Amino acid sequence: HLNRYLDINRERTLALRKRAQGFADEIAVLNGKLNEFKKYSGPTEYRIDHCFDAVLNYYRQNKSDLHEVLELLQMEKSNIEYNISRLEGNIADLRNQSDHLFDEFSNDPYHLHAVLVHSGSTPRGGHYYTFIKTHL
C-alpha cells in the first residue's frame, strides 16, 4: 500500500499510524496480563508449595471432603483458562485490526515509475541510486 505515502493521504496516514500505535500499546498491556497467568512469578508468599499448603489447610480446617476441594480447584483452573483464552482472543483481534489498518489505501490507483534506494549506514554516508521504469 505505497499510496499511503502520497501527499494527498498524509493526514489519514498519520491518524492511522496513531491508531496502529494504540493497538500496539494495548497488545503490550494484554500480553503483560497474559504472562501473569502463563508465567506466574508472584511474591514469595505465593510460592507453589504455599499454595498447596493453603489447599491442604482449607481441607483440614473445613473438614471438607476431597471432592469439594477438587471442585474448587477445578473451578479456579477453569477461570484461569477462560481468562487466558479471552486475552489471547483479544490480542488476536487487535493484531488482525492492526494488520488491516491500511487496507483502505489499496483501492487508490497509482503507477510506480521509480524507486529511490539508499545503501549505507547513515543518510549522509553511502550511496543513493534509482531504478526507473522505462516505457516501451
N, C-alpha and C. Protein backbone atom coordinates (compact mmCIF):
# COMPACT_ATOMS: atom_id res chain seq x y z
N HIS A 1 0.83 -1.19 0.00
CA HIS A 1 0.00 0.00 0.00
C HIS A 1 0.87 1.26 0.00
N LEU A 2 1.66 1.40 -1.00
CA LEU A 2 2.56 2.54 -1.06
C LEU A 2 1.84 3.87 -1.21
N ASN A 3 0.60 3.85 -1.67
CA ASN A 3 -0.11 5.11 -1.86
C ASN A 3 -0.43 5.80 -0.53
N ARG A 4 -0.23 5.15 0.58
CA ARG A 4 -0.41 5.85 1.86
C ARG A 4 0.67 6.91 2.06
N TYR A 5 1.74 6.85 1.25
CA TYR A 5 2.81 7.83 1.34
C TYR A 5 2.58 9.02 0.41
N LEU A 6 1.52 9.00 -0.37
CA LEU A 6 1.20 10.14 -1.22
C LEU A 6 0.79 11.31 -0.36
N ASP A 7 1.14 12.50 -0.79
CA ASP A 7 0.83 13.71 -0.02
C ASP A 7 -0.66 13.85 0.26
N ILE A 8 -1.48 13.46 -0.68
CA ILE A 8 -2.93 13.57 -0.51
C ILE A 8 -3.44 12.72 0.66
N ASN A 9 -2.70 11.68 1.02
CA ASN A 9 -3.12 10.76 2.09
C ASN A 9 -2.38 11.01 3.41
N ARG A 10 -1.63 12.09 3.49
CA ARG A 10 -0.77 12.34 4.65
C ARG A 10 -1.55 12.35 5.97
N GLU A 11 -2.60 13.15 6.05
CA GLU A 11 -3.36 13.29 7.30
C GLU A 11 -3.99 11.96 7.73
N ARG A 12 -4.59 11.28 6.78
CA ARG A 12 -5.23 10.00 7.10
C ARG A 12 -4.18 8.98 7.54
N THR A 13 -3.03 8.97 6.87
CA THR A 13 -1.96 8.04 7.23
C THR A 13 -1.45 8.32 8.64
N LEU A 14 -1.27 9.59 8.98
CA LEU A 14 -0.82 9.93 10.34
C LEU A 14 -1.83 9.47 11.39
N ALA A 15 -3.11 9.66 11.11
CA ALA A 15 -4.15 9.21 12.05
C ALA A 15 -4.12 7.69 12.20
N LEU A 16 -3.93 7.00 11.09
CA LEU A 16 -3.89 5.53 11.16
C LEU A 16 -2.63 5.04 11.88
N ARG A 17 -1.54 5.75 11.71
CA ARG A 17 -0.31 5.37 12.45
C ARG A 17 -0.52 5.53 13.95
N LYS A 18 -1.20 6.59 14.35
CA LYS A 18 -1.51 6.77 15.79
C LYS A 18 -2.38 5.62 16.27
N ARG A 19 -3.35 5.26 15.46
CA ARG A 19 -4.24 4.15 15.83
C ARG A 19 -3.45 2.84 15.92
N ALA A 20 -2.53 2.64 14.97
CA ALA A 20 -1.69 1.44 14.99
C ALA A 20 -0.84 1.41 16.26
N GLN A 21 -0.31 2.56 16.67
CA GLN A 21 0.47 2.62 17.91
C GLN A 21 -0.41 2.30 19.11
N GLY A 22 -1.66 2.77 19.08
CA GLY A 22 -2.60 2.44 20.15
C GLY A 22 -2.85 0.95 20.23
N PHE A 23 -3.00 0.31 19.05
CA PHE A 23 -3.16 -1.15 19.03
C PHE A 23 -1.93 -1.83 19.64
N ALA A 24 -0.75 -1.37 19.23
CA ALA A 24 0.49 -1.97 19.74
C ALA A 24 0.59 -1.81 21.26
N ASP A 25 0.23 -0.63 21.76
CA ASP A 25 0.27 -0.40 23.22
C ASP A 25 -0.72 -1.31 23.94
N GLU A 26 -1.91 -1.43 23.38
CA GLU A 26 -2.94 -2.28 24.00
C GLU A 26 -2.53 -3.76 23.98
N ILE A 27 -1.92 -4.18 22.88
CA ILE A 27 -1.43 -5.56 22.78
C ILE A 27 -0.36 -5.81 23.82
N ALA A 28 0.52 -4.83 24.05
CA ALA A 28 1.57 -4.99 25.06
C ALA A 28 0.97 -5.15 26.45
N VAL A 29 -0.06 -4.37 26.76
CA VAL A 29 -0.74 -4.48 28.06
C VAL A 29 -1.38 -5.86 28.21
N LEU A 30 -2.08 -6.30 27.17
CA LEU A 30 -2.75 -7.61 27.22
C LEU A 30 -1.73 -8.74 27.32
N ASN A 31 -0.61 -8.61 26.61
CA ASN A 31 0.45 -9.63 26.73
C ASN A 31 1.01 -9.68 28.15
N GLY A 32 1.13 -8.53 28.79
CA GLY A 32 1.58 -8.49 30.19
C GLY A 32 0.61 -9.24 31.09
N LYS A 33 -0.69 -9.00 30.89
CA LYS A 33 -1.70 -9.70 31.69
C LYS A 33 -1.68 -11.20 31.41
N LEU A 34 -1.51 -11.54 30.13
CA LEU A 34 -1.46 -12.95 29.74
C LEU A 34 -0.26 -13.64 30.39
N ASN A 35 0.88 -12.97 30.41
CA ASN A 35 2.07 -13.55 31.03
C ASN A 35 1.90 -13.74 32.54
N GLU A 36 1.06 -12.90 33.17
CA GLU A 36 0.80 -13.09 34.59
C GLU A 36 0.13 -14.44 34.84
N PHE A 37 -0.69 -14.89 33.90
CA PHE A 37 -1.34 -16.19 34.02
C PHE A 37 -0.40 -17.32 33.62
N LYS A 38 0.34 -17.11 32.54
CA LYS A 38 1.14 -18.20 31.99
C LYS A 38 2.49 -18.37 32.67
N LYS A 39 3.05 -17.28 33.16
CA LYS A 39 4.39 -17.35 33.76
C LYS A 39 4.36 -16.69 35.13
N TYR A 40 3.54 -17.22 35.99
CA TYR A 40 3.36 -16.61 37.30
C TYR A 40 4.66 -16.65 38.09
N SER A 41 5.07 -15.48 38.54
CA SER A 41 6.25 -15.40 39.40
C SER A 41 5.97 -14.34 40.46
N GLY A 42 4.92 -14.57 41.19
CA GLY A 42 4.46 -13.61 42.18
C GLY A 42 5.38 -13.53 43.39
N PRO A 43 4.95 -12.79 44.39
CA PRO A 43 5.75 -12.63 45.61
C PRO A 43 6.02 -13.99 46.26
N THR A 44 7.05 -14.04 47.07
CA THR A 44 7.46 -15.32 47.66
C THR A 44 6.38 -15.95 48.53
N GLU A 45 5.47 -15.14 49.11
CA GLU A 45 4.42 -15.75 49.94
C GLU A 45 3.43 -16.55 49.12
N TYR A 46 3.52 -16.48 47.79
CA TYR A 46 2.64 -17.26 46.94
C TYR A 46 3.39 -18.33 46.15
N ARG A 47 4.43 -18.84 46.73
CA ARG A 47 5.14 -19.93 46.06
C ARG A 47 4.20 -21.11 45.91
N ILE A 48 4.47 -21.96 44.96
CA ILE A 48 3.57 -23.08 44.66
C ILE A 48 3.39 -24.00 45.87
N ASP A 49 4.48 -24.21 46.64
CA ASP A 49 4.34 -25.06 47.82
C ASP A 49 3.40 -24.43 48.86
N HIS A 50 3.40 -23.09 48.93
CA HIS A 50 2.49 -22.40 49.85
C HIS A 50 1.04 -22.53 49.36
N CYS A 51 0.89 -22.53 48.05
CA CYS A 51 -0.46 -22.71 47.50
C CYS A 51 -1.01 -24.08 47.87
N PHE A 52 -0.18 -25.10 47.75
CA PHE A 52 -0.61 -26.45 48.13
C PHE A 52 -0.91 -26.52 49.63
N ASP A 53 -0.08 -25.86 50.44
CA ASP A 53 -0.34 -25.81 51.88
C ASP A 53 -1.69 -25.16 52.16
N ALA A 54 -2.00 -24.09 51.44
CA ALA A 54 -3.27 -23.40 51.65
C ALA A 54 -4.45 -24.31 51.32
N VAL A 55 -4.33 -25.08 50.25
CA VAL A 55 -5.40 -26.02 49.88
C VAL A 55 -5.54 -27.09 50.95
N LEU A 56 -4.41 -27.64 51.40
CA LEU A 56 -4.46 -28.68 52.43
C LEU A 56 -5.04 -28.13 53.74
N ASN A 57 -4.64 -26.93 54.11
CA ASN A 57 -5.17 -26.31 55.34
C ASN A 57 -6.67 -26.08 55.23
N TYR A 58 -7.12 -25.61 54.07
CA TYR A 58 -8.55 -25.43 53.87
C TYR A 58 -9.28 -26.76 54.04
N TYR A 59 -8.74 -27.77 53.45
CA TYR A 59 -9.33 -29.11 53.53
C TYR A 59 -9.42 -29.57 54.99
N ARG A 60 -8.34 -29.37 55.73
CA ARG A 60 -8.30 -29.81 57.14
C ARG A 60 -9.24 -28.98 58.03
N GLN A 61 -9.19 -27.65 57.87
CA GLN A 61 -9.96 -26.76 58.73
C GLN A 61 -11.46 -26.88 58.50
N ASN A 62 -11.87 -27.07 57.30
CA ASN A 62 -13.28 -27.12 56.98
C ASN A 62 -13.83 -28.54 56.96
N LYS A 63 -12.97 -29.46 57.24
CA LYS A 63 -13.37 -30.86 57.25
C LYS A 63 -14.14 -31.21 55.97
N SER A 64 -13.74 -30.56 54.90
CA SER A 64 -14.39 -30.80 53.61
C SER A 64 -13.97 -32.14 53.08
N ASP A 65 -14.85 -32.69 52.29
CA ASP A 65 -14.40 -33.91 51.65
C ASP A 65 -13.55 -33.52 50.44
N LEU A 66 -12.77 -34.44 50.01
CA LEU A 66 -11.82 -34.19 48.93
C LEU A 66 -12.54 -33.75 47.65
N HIS A 67 -13.73 -34.27 47.44
CA HIS A 67 -14.49 -33.93 46.25
C HIS A 67 -14.75 -32.41 46.19
N GLU A 68 -15.09 -31.82 47.34
CA GLU A 68 -15.35 -30.38 47.41
C GLU A 68 -14.11 -29.57 47.07
N VAL A 69 -12.96 -30.00 47.59
CA VAL A 69 -11.70 -29.32 47.33
C VAL A 69 -11.36 -29.42 45.84
N LEU A 70 -11.54 -30.61 45.28
CA LEU A 70 -11.24 -30.80 43.86
C LEU A 70 -12.15 -29.93 42.99
N GLU A 71 -13.41 -29.79 43.39
CA GLU A 71 -14.33 -28.92 42.64
C GLU A 71 -13.87 -27.47 42.67
N LEU A 72 -13.41 -27.02 43.84
CA LEU A 72 -12.90 -25.64 43.97
C LEU A 72 -11.67 -25.44 43.07
N LEU A 73 -10.77 -26.41 43.10
CA LEU A 73 -9.57 -26.30 42.28
C LEU A 73 -9.92 -26.32 40.79
N GLN A 74 -10.86 -27.17 40.41
CA GLN A 74 -11.27 -27.24 39.00
C GLN A 74 -11.93 -25.94 38.57
N MET A 75 -12.73 -25.36 39.45
CA MET A 75 -13.39 -24.10 39.15
C MET A 75 -12.35 -22.99 38.94
N GLU A 76 -11.36 -22.95 39.80
CA GLU A 76 -10.30 -21.94 39.68
C GLU A 76 -9.49 -22.15 38.41
N LYS A 77 -9.19 -23.40 38.09
CA LYS A 77 -8.45 -23.73 36.87
C LYS A 77 -9.26 -23.30 35.64
N SER A 78 -10.55 -23.56 35.63
CA SER A 78 -11.41 -23.16 34.52
C SER A 78 -11.45 -21.64 34.37
N ASN A 79 -11.47 -20.94 35.50
CA ASN A 79 -11.43 -19.48 35.49
C ASN A 79 -10.16 -18.95 34.83
N ILE A 80 -9.05 -19.54 35.19
CA ILE A 80 -7.75 -19.13 34.62
C ILE A 80 -7.71 -19.44 33.13
N GLU A 81 -8.18 -20.62 32.74
CA GLU A 81 -8.20 -20.99 31.32
C GLU A 81 -9.10 -20.04 30.52
N TYR A 82 -10.23 -19.66 31.10
CA TYR A 82 -11.14 -18.72 30.43
C TYR A 82 -10.43 -17.37 30.23
N ASN A 83 -9.76 -16.87 31.28
CA ASN A 83 -9.06 -15.59 31.18
C ASN A 83 -7.94 -15.64 30.14
N ILE A 84 -7.21 -16.73 30.10
CA ILE A 84 -6.14 -16.89 29.10
C ILE A 84 -6.74 -16.88 27.70
N SER A 85 -7.79 -17.63 27.50
CA SER A 85 -8.45 -17.70 26.20
C SER A 85 -8.99 -16.34 25.77
N ARG A 86 -9.60 -15.63 26.69
CA ARG A 86 -10.15 -14.30 26.40
C ARG A 86 -9.04 -13.32 26.02
N LEU A 87 -7.94 -13.33 26.78
CA LEU A 87 -6.82 -12.45 26.47
C LEU A 87 -6.20 -12.79 25.12
N GLU A 88 -6.01 -14.08 24.84
CA GLU A 88 -5.45 -14.49 23.55
C GLU A 88 -6.37 -14.07 22.40
N GLY A 89 -7.68 -14.19 22.60
CA GLY A 89 -8.64 -13.76 21.58
C GLY A 89 -8.59 -12.26 21.35
N ASN A 90 -8.50 -11.49 22.43
CA ASN A 90 -8.41 -10.04 22.31
C ASN A 90 -7.13 -9.62 21.58
N ILE A 91 -6.03 -10.29 21.91
CA ILE A 91 -4.76 -9.99 21.24
C ILE A 91 -4.85 -10.31 19.75
N ALA A 92 -5.42 -11.47 19.43
CA ALA A 92 -5.57 -11.86 18.02
C ALA A 92 -6.46 -10.85 17.27
N ASP A 93 -7.55 -10.40 17.89
CA ASP A 93 -8.43 -9.42 17.26
C ASP A 93 -7.70 -8.10 17.00
N LEU A 94 -6.94 -7.63 17.99
CA LEU A 94 -6.20 -6.38 17.82
C LEU A 94 -5.14 -6.51 16.73
N ARG A 95 -4.45 -7.65 16.70
CA ARG A 95 -3.44 -7.85 15.65
C ARG A 95 -4.10 -7.87 14.27
N ASN A 96 -5.25 -8.51 14.18
CA ASN A 96 -5.97 -8.55 12.90
C ASN A 96 -6.38 -7.14 12.47
N GLN A 97 -6.92 -6.36 13.39
CA GLN A 97 -7.30 -4.98 13.07
C GLN A 97 -6.08 -4.17 12.64
N SER A 98 -4.98 -4.37 13.35
CA SER A 98 -3.75 -3.65 13.02
C SER A 98 -3.22 -4.06 11.65
N ASP A 99 -3.30 -5.34 11.33
CA ASP A 99 -2.83 -5.84 10.04
C ASP A 99 -3.60 -5.25 8.87
N HIS A 100 -4.86 -4.91 9.09
CA HIS A 100 -5.71 -4.43 8.01
C HIS A 100 -5.99 -2.93 8.09
N LEU A 101 -5.24 -2.24 8.91
CA LEU A 101 -5.47 -0.82 9.15
C LEU A 101 -5.33 0.02 7.88
N PHE A 102 -4.40 -0.32 7.02
CA PHE A 102 -4.13 0.49 5.84
C PHE A 102 -4.78 -0.09 4.58
N ASP A 103 -5.67 -1.05 4.73
CA ASP A 103 -6.31 -1.67 3.57
C ASP A 103 -7.09 -0.68 2.71
N GLU A 104 -7.59 0.37 3.34
CA GLU A 104 -8.38 1.34 2.58
C GLU A 104 -7.57 2.00 1.46
N PHE A 105 -6.27 1.96 1.58
CA PHE A 105 -5.42 2.58 0.56
C PHE A 105 -5.18 1.67 -0.64
N SER A 106 -5.62 0.44 -0.57
CA SER A 106 -5.35 -0.48 -1.67
C SER A 106 -6.21 -0.19 -2.90
N ASN A 107 -7.22 0.67 -2.76
CA ASN A 107 -8.11 0.97 -3.88
C ASN A 107 -7.66 2.18 -4.70
N ASP A 108 -6.72 2.96 -4.19
CA ASP A 108 -6.27 4.14 -4.92
C ASP A 108 -5.32 3.73 -6.04
N PRO A 109 -5.65 4.07 -7.28
CA PRO A 109 -4.75 3.70 -8.38
C PRO A 109 -3.52 4.60 -8.40
N TYR A 110 -2.40 4.02 -8.65
CA TYR A 110 -1.17 4.77 -8.84
C TYR A 110 -0.24 3.92 -9.70
N HIS A 111 0.72 4.57 -10.30
CA HIS A 111 1.68 3.88 -11.16
C HIS A 111 3.07 4.15 -10.63
N LEU A 112 3.79 3.10 -10.36
CA LEU A 112 5.15 3.24 -9.87
C LEU A 112 6.07 3.50 -11.06
N HIS A 113 6.79 4.60 -11.00
CA HIS A 113 7.69 4.97 -12.09
C HIS A 113 9.15 4.82 -11.71
N ALA A 114 9.45 4.93 -10.41
CA ALA A 114 10.85 4.86 -9.99
C ALA A 114 10.91 4.48 -8.52
N VAL A 115 12.07 3.96 -8.14
CA VAL A 115 12.34 3.63 -6.74
C VAL A 115 13.69 4.20 -6.39
N LEU A 116 13.75 4.96 -5.30
CA LEU A 116 15.00 5.52 -4.81
C LEU A 116 15.51 4.60 -3.71
N VAL A 117 16.77 4.20 -3.81
CA VAL A 117 17.35 3.26 -2.87
C VAL A 117 18.58 3.90 -2.23
N HIS A 118 18.73 3.68 -0.93
CA HIS A 118 19.93 4.14 -0.23
C HIS A 118 20.67 2.93 0.29
N SER A 119 21.96 2.92 0.10
CA SER A 119 22.81 1.86 0.62
C SER A 119 23.92 2.51 1.44
N GLY A 120 23.89 2.31 2.74
CA GLY A 120 24.88 2.92 3.62
C GLY A 120 24.38 2.92 5.05
N SER A 121 25.26 3.29 5.96
CA SER A 121 24.91 3.20 7.38
C SER A 121 24.17 4.43 7.89
N THR A 122 24.31 5.58 7.23
CA THR A 122 23.58 6.79 7.62
C THR A 122 23.07 7.48 6.37
N PRO A 123 22.08 8.38 6.50
CA PRO A 123 21.60 9.10 5.32
C PRO A 123 22.69 9.97 4.67
N ARG A 124 23.67 10.37 5.46
CA ARG A 124 24.74 11.22 4.92
C ARG A 124 25.93 10.42 4.39
N GLY A 125 25.91 9.15 4.66
CA GLY A 125 27.00 8.29 4.19
C GLY A 125 26.43 7.15 3.37
N GLY A 126 27.11 6.79 2.34
CA GLY A 126 26.62 5.71 1.49
C GLY A 126 26.29 6.23 0.11
N HIS A 127 25.48 5.48 -0.58
CA HIS A 127 25.14 5.83 -1.95
C HIS A 127 23.63 5.78 -2.14
N TYR A 128 23.13 6.69 -2.94
CA TYR A 128 21.74 6.68 -3.37
C TYR A 128 21.73 6.30 -4.85
N TYR A 129 20.81 5.46 -5.22
CA TYR A 129 20.64 5.15 -6.63
C TYR A 129 19.16 4.93 -6.92
N THR A 130 18.81 5.02 -8.18
CA THR A 130 17.41 4.99 -8.58
C THR A 130 17.18 3.93 -9.64
N PHE A 131 16.07 3.23 -9.50
CA PHE A 131 15.58 2.33 -10.54
C PHE A 131 14.43 3.06 -11.21
N ILE A 132 14.51 3.26 -12.51
CA ILE A 132 13.47 3.97 -13.24
C ILE A 132 12.85 3.03 -14.26
N LYS A 133 11.54 3.02 -14.26
CA LYS A 133 10.82 2.18 -15.21
C LYS A 133 10.86 2.83 -16.58
N THR A 134 11.25 2.07 -17.56
CA THR A 134 11.24 2.60 -18.93
C THR A 134 9.96 2.18 -19.61
N HIS A 135 9.37 3.09 -20.30
CA HIS A 135 8.12 2.82 -21.01
C HIS A 135 8.45 2.40 -22.42
N LEU A 136 8.03 1.23 -22.81
CA LEU A 136 8.31 0.72 -24.15
C LEU A 136 7.13 0.89 -25.06
